[in-house]
């Protein structure tokens, strides 16, 4: 399934996935937006949120944008 999310890198206080009232996802990560570190941290947080292995989460669109689209493979 495809997941749209808003990424907030350099968060000083938390690392988590927050679901908004409208169902939108906001990902807070302490990793900086340098050399893809925030994207990797976001993929790991999404994997934990959906209960899948980190290898099952792939960034599809938005490598340099705050708005990202991830592909999450939830098949067993």
N, C-alpha and C. Protein backbone atom coordinates (compact mmCIF):
# COMPACT_ATOMS: atom_id res chain seq x y z
N UNK A 1 0.83 -1.18 0.00
CA UNK A 1 0.00 0.00 0.00
C UNK A 1 0.88 1.24 0.00
N UNK A 2 0.38 2.29 -0.59
CA UNK A 2 1.13 3.55 -0.64
C UNK A 2 0.70 4.43 0.52
N UNK A 3 1.68 5.04 1.16
CA UNK A 3 1.46 5.90 2.32
C UNK A 3 2.04 7.27 2.04
N UNK A 4 1.23 8.31 2.17
CA UNK A 4 1.71 9.69 2.05
C UNK A 4 2.01 10.21 3.45
N UNK A 5 3.12 10.90 3.58
CA UNK A 5 3.51 11.38 4.90
C UNK A 5 4.25 12.71 4.77
N UNK A 6 4.21 13.47 5.86
CA UNK A 6 4.95 14.72 5.97
C UNK A 6 6.10 14.47 6.94
N UNK A 7 7.32 14.76 6.53
CA UNK A 7 8.50 14.49 7.35
C UNK A 7 8.99 15.76 8.02
N UNK A 8 9.24 15.66 9.33
CA UNK A 8 9.80 16.77 10.10
C UNK A 8 11.14 16.30 10.66
N UNK A 9 12.25 16.57 9.96
CA UNK A 9 13.57 16.17 10.46
C UNK A 9 14.06 17.11 11.55
N UNK A 10 15.13 16.72 12.21
CA UNK A 10 15.77 17.51 13.28
C UNK A 10 14.83 17.79 14.44
N UNK A 11 13.93 16.87 14.74
CA UNK A 11 13.04 17.03 15.88
C UNK A 11 13.86 16.80 17.15
N UNK A 12 13.81 17.74 18.06
CA UNK A 12 14.66 17.65 19.25
C UNK A 12 14.06 16.78 20.34
N UNK A 13 12.74 16.63 20.35
CA UNK A 13 12.10 16.00 21.49
C UNK A 13 11.52 14.62 21.23
N UNK A 14 11.27 14.25 19.99
CA UNK A 14 10.62 12.97 19.77
C UNK A 14 10.95 12.35 18.44
N UNK A 15 10.79 11.03 18.38
CA UNK A 15 10.89 10.27 17.15
C UNK A 15 9.67 9.38 17.10
N UNK A 16 8.70 9.76 16.27
CA UNK A 16 7.47 8.98 16.22
C UNK A 16 6.68 9.30 14.96
N UNK A 17 5.67 8.46 14.72
CA UNK A 17 4.71 8.67 13.64
C UNK A 17 3.41 9.12 14.29
N UNK A 18 2.91 10.28 13.89
CA UNK A 18 1.69 10.83 14.46
C UNK A 18 0.61 10.82 13.39
N UNK A 19 -0.55 10.25 13.74
CA UNK A 19 -1.69 10.21 12.82
C UNK A 19 -2.59 11.39 13.15
N UNK A 20 -2.84 12.25 12.16
CA UNK A 20 -3.69 13.42 12.36
C UNK A 20 -5.17 13.05 12.36
N UNK A 21 -6.01 14.01 12.69
CA UNK A 21 -7.46 13.80 12.71
C UNK A 21 -8.01 13.40 11.35
N UNK A 22 -7.37 13.89 10.29
CA UNK A 22 -7.83 13.57 8.93
C UNK A 22 -7.17 12.31 8.36
N UNK A 23 -6.38 11.61 9.18
CA UNK A 23 -5.73 10.38 8.73
C UNK A 23 -4.35 10.60 8.14
N UNK A 24 -3.90 11.85 8.06
CA UNK A 24 -2.58 12.13 7.51
C UNK A 24 -1.49 11.72 8.51
N UNK A 25 -0.35 11.35 7.98
CA UNK A 25 0.78 10.93 8.81
C UNK A 25 1.84 12.02 8.85
N UNK A 26 2.34 12.31 10.04
CA UNK A 26 3.48 13.19 10.22
C UNK A 26 4.56 12.39 10.93
N UNK A 27 5.75 12.38 10.36
CA UNK A 27 6.85 11.61 10.93
C UNK A 27 7.87 12.58 11.51
N UNK A 28 8.10 12.46 12.81
CA UNK A 28 9.11 13.26 13.50
C UNK A 28 10.35 12.39 13.68
N UNK A 29 11.50 12.89 13.25
CA UNK A 29 12.74 12.15 13.42
C UNK A 29 13.85 13.09 13.87
N UNK A 30 14.75 12.57 14.67
CA UNK A 30 15.88 13.36 15.15
C UNK A 30 17.00 13.45 14.11
N UNK A 31 16.94 12.61 13.10
CA UNK A 31 17.97 12.58 12.07
C UNK A 31 17.91 13.84 11.21
N UNK A 32 19.08 14.36 10.82
CA UNK A 32 19.09 15.54 9.95
C UNK A 32 18.77 15.17 8.51
N UNK A 33 18.32 16.14 7.75
CA UNK A 33 17.99 15.93 6.34
C UNK A 33 19.25 16.06 5.49
N UNK A 34 20.24 15.26 5.82
CA UNK A 34 21.52 15.28 5.10
C UNK A 34 21.81 13.86 4.62
N UNK A 35 22.14 13.72 3.34
CA UNK A 35 22.54 12.45 2.74
C UNK A 35 21.52 11.34 2.97
N UNK A 36 20.24 11.67 3.01
CA UNK A 36 19.20 10.66 3.13
C UNK A 36 19.02 10.06 4.51
N UNK A 37 19.66 10.64 5.53
CA UNK A 37 19.55 10.09 6.88
C UNK A 37 18.13 10.20 7.43
N UNK A 38 17.45 11.31 7.18
CA UNK A 38 16.08 11.49 7.66
C UNK A 38 15.14 10.53 6.93
N UNK A 39 15.37 10.29 5.65
CA UNK A 39 14.54 9.34 4.90
C UNK A 39 14.68 7.93 5.46
N UNK A 40 15.91 7.52 5.76
CA UNK A 40 16.13 6.19 6.32
C UNK A 40 15.48 6.05 7.69
N UNK A 41 15.60 7.09 8.51
CA UNK A 41 14.98 7.06 9.84
C UNK A 41 13.47 7.02 9.72
N UNK A 42 12.91 7.75 8.76
CA UNK A 42 11.46 7.75 8.55
C UNK A 42 10.97 6.38 8.12
N UNK A 43 11.72 5.70 7.26
CA UNK A 43 11.34 4.36 6.81
C UNK A 43 11.34 3.39 7.99
N UNK A 44 12.32 3.50 8.88
CA UNK A 44 12.37 2.62 10.06
C UNK A 44 11.20 2.90 10.99
N UNK A 45 10.86 4.16 11.18
CA UNK A 45 9.74 4.51 12.05
C UNK A 45 8.41 4.02 11.46
N UNK A 46 8.26 4.13 10.15
CA UNK A 46 7.04 3.62 9.50
C UNK A 46 6.94 2.10 9.63
N UNK A 47 8.07 1.42 9.49
CA UNK A 47 8.08 -0.04 9.64
C UNK A 47 7.64 -0.43 11.04
N UNK A 48 8.13 0.28 12.04
CA UNK A 48 7.74 0.00 13.42
C UNK A 48 6.25 0.31 13.62
N UNK A 49 5.77 1.40 13.05
CA UNK A 49 4.38 1.81 13.19
C UNK A 49 3.42 0.76 12.59
N UNK A 50 3.78 0.20 11.44
CA UNK A 50 2.92 -0.77 10.77
C UNK A 50 3.24 -2.22 11.13
N UNK A 51 4.28 -2.44 11.93
CA UNK A 51 4.62 -3.78 12.38
C UNK A 51 5.19 -4.67 11.30
N UNK A 52 6.00 -4.10 10.43
CA UNK A 52 6.65 -4.87 9.37
C UNK A 52 8.16 -4.68 9.48
N UNK A 53 8.91 -5.50 8.76
CA UNK A 53 10.36 -5.37 8.73
C UNK A 53 10.76 -4.10 7.99
N UNK A 54 11.87 -3.45 8.39
CA UNK A 54 12.31 -2.23 7.70
C UNK A 54 12.55 -2.44 6.20
N UNK A 55 12.89 -3.66 5.80
CA UNK A 55 13.12 -3.92 4.37
C UNK A 55 11.83 -3.89 3.56
N UNK A 56 10.67 -3.91 4.21
CA UNK A 56 9.38 -3.89 3.53
C UNK A 56 8.88 -2.47 3.24
N UNK A 57 9.64 -1.46 3.69
CA UNK A 57 9.25 -0.06 3.49
C UNK A 57 10.23 0.57 2.50
N UNK A 58 9.67 1.16 1.43
CA UNK A 58 10.51 1.75 0.38
C UNK A 58 10.01 3.15 0.05
N UNK A 59 10.93 4.09 -0.06
CA UNK A 59 10.59 5.45 -0.47
C UNK A 59 10.33 5.46 -1.97
N UNK A 60 9.12 5.89 -2.36
CA UNK A 60 8.74 5.90 -3.77
C UNK A 60 8.93 7.27 -4.39
N UNK A 61 8.52 8.31 -3.66
CA UNK A 61 8.56 9.67 -4.20
C UNK A 61 8.88 10.66 -3.09
N UNK A 62 9.63 11.70 -3.40
CA UNK A 62 9.88 12.78 -2.47
C UNK A 62 11.21 12.69 -1.74
N UNK A 63 12.25 12.22 -2.40
CA UNK A 63 13.55 12.05 -1.74
C UNK A 63 14.08 13.36 -1.17
N UNK A 64 13.81 14.48 -1.84
CA UNK A 64 14.33 15.77 -1.35
C UNK A 64 13.22 16.70 -0.88
N UNK A 65 12.01 16.18 -0.76
CA UNK A 65 10.86 16.98 -0.33
C UNK A 65 10.45 16.57 1.07
N UNK A 66 9.72 17.46 1.76
CA UNK A 66 9.18 17.09 3.08
C UNK A 66 7.96 16.21 2.93
N UNK A 67 7.31 16.26 1.76
CA UNK A 67 6.16 15.41 1.50
C UNK A 67 6.65 14.16 0.79
N UNK A 68 6.42 13.00 1.39
CA UNK A 68 6.96 11.74 0.90
C UNK A 68 5.85 10.76 0.60
N UNK A 69 6.15 9.82 -0.28
CA UNK A 69 5.26 8.68 -0.54
C UNK A 69 6.10 7.43 -0.33
N UNK A 70 5.64 6.57 0.57
CA UNK A 70 6.31 5.31 0.86
C UNK A 70 5.45 4.16 0.40
N UNK A 71 6.09 3.08 0.00
CA UNK A 71 5.40 1.83 -0.33
C UNK A 71 5.67 0.87 0.82
N UNK A 72 4.58 0.39 1.45
CA UNK A 72 4.69 -0.54 2.57
C UNK A 72 4.12 -1.88 2.11
N UNK A 73 4.94 -2.92 2.16
CA UNK A 73 4.53 -4.26 1.76
C UNK A 73 4.11 -5.03 3.01
N UNK A 74 2.79 -5.18 3.19
CA UNK A 74 2.27 -5.83 4.40
C UNK A 74 1.95 -7.30 4.18
N UNK A 75 2.36 -7.87 3.05
CA UNK A 75 2.10 -9.28 2.79
C UNK A 75 3.01 -10.15 3.64
N UNK A 76 2.52 -11.29 4.01
CA UNK A 76 3.30 -12.21 4.87
C UNK A 76 4.07 -13.18 4.03
